[in-house]
C-alpha cells in the first residue's frame, strides 16, 4: 500500500473521531450540566449546541464523498471546515476561550484537502468522458 493511501486513511479516521467528538459534546449538552466561562443567553446556548450537532452530522454525511473522492465531498467538507473555524473563533470570543482549539482540526482538514485537491478535481473517466466512434470527447 502506498504511503499516500495510508495517510488518506488516517485522515479519514481523524475526521470520523473529530465529527463523533462534536456529536458527543452535543449529547453531553442534553444532560444540562454544561457551563460556560461567560454568561450566555438560552438562545446562544441553543446555537452553540445546535452547531455541535450540525457540524458532527454534516461532517459524517460528507465523509463518504471525501472517501470516494467526489467533488461534493471535497467542497462540502471545505465549506463545513471554514464555517467551523469561523464559528469556533466566534465562540472563543463570546462564549468560552477554549473553543479556539476547535480551529485546529478545521484547519488541518482544510490544509489536507488542499494538499490532496488534485485527487478530487481530476475528471473521473467513467463519468466525465463519452466514447463516440472510438474516441473520447
Foldseek 3Di string as FASTA:
>chain_A
DDPVVVVLVVLLVVLLVVLVVLVVVLVVVVVVPDDWPDDDDPVVVCVVSVLSVVLSVQSVVLSVCVVVLEPCSLVSLLVSLVVQQVVLVVCCVHTHVVSNVSNVSSVVSNVVCVVVVVSNPDDDCVPPWDDDPNDTD
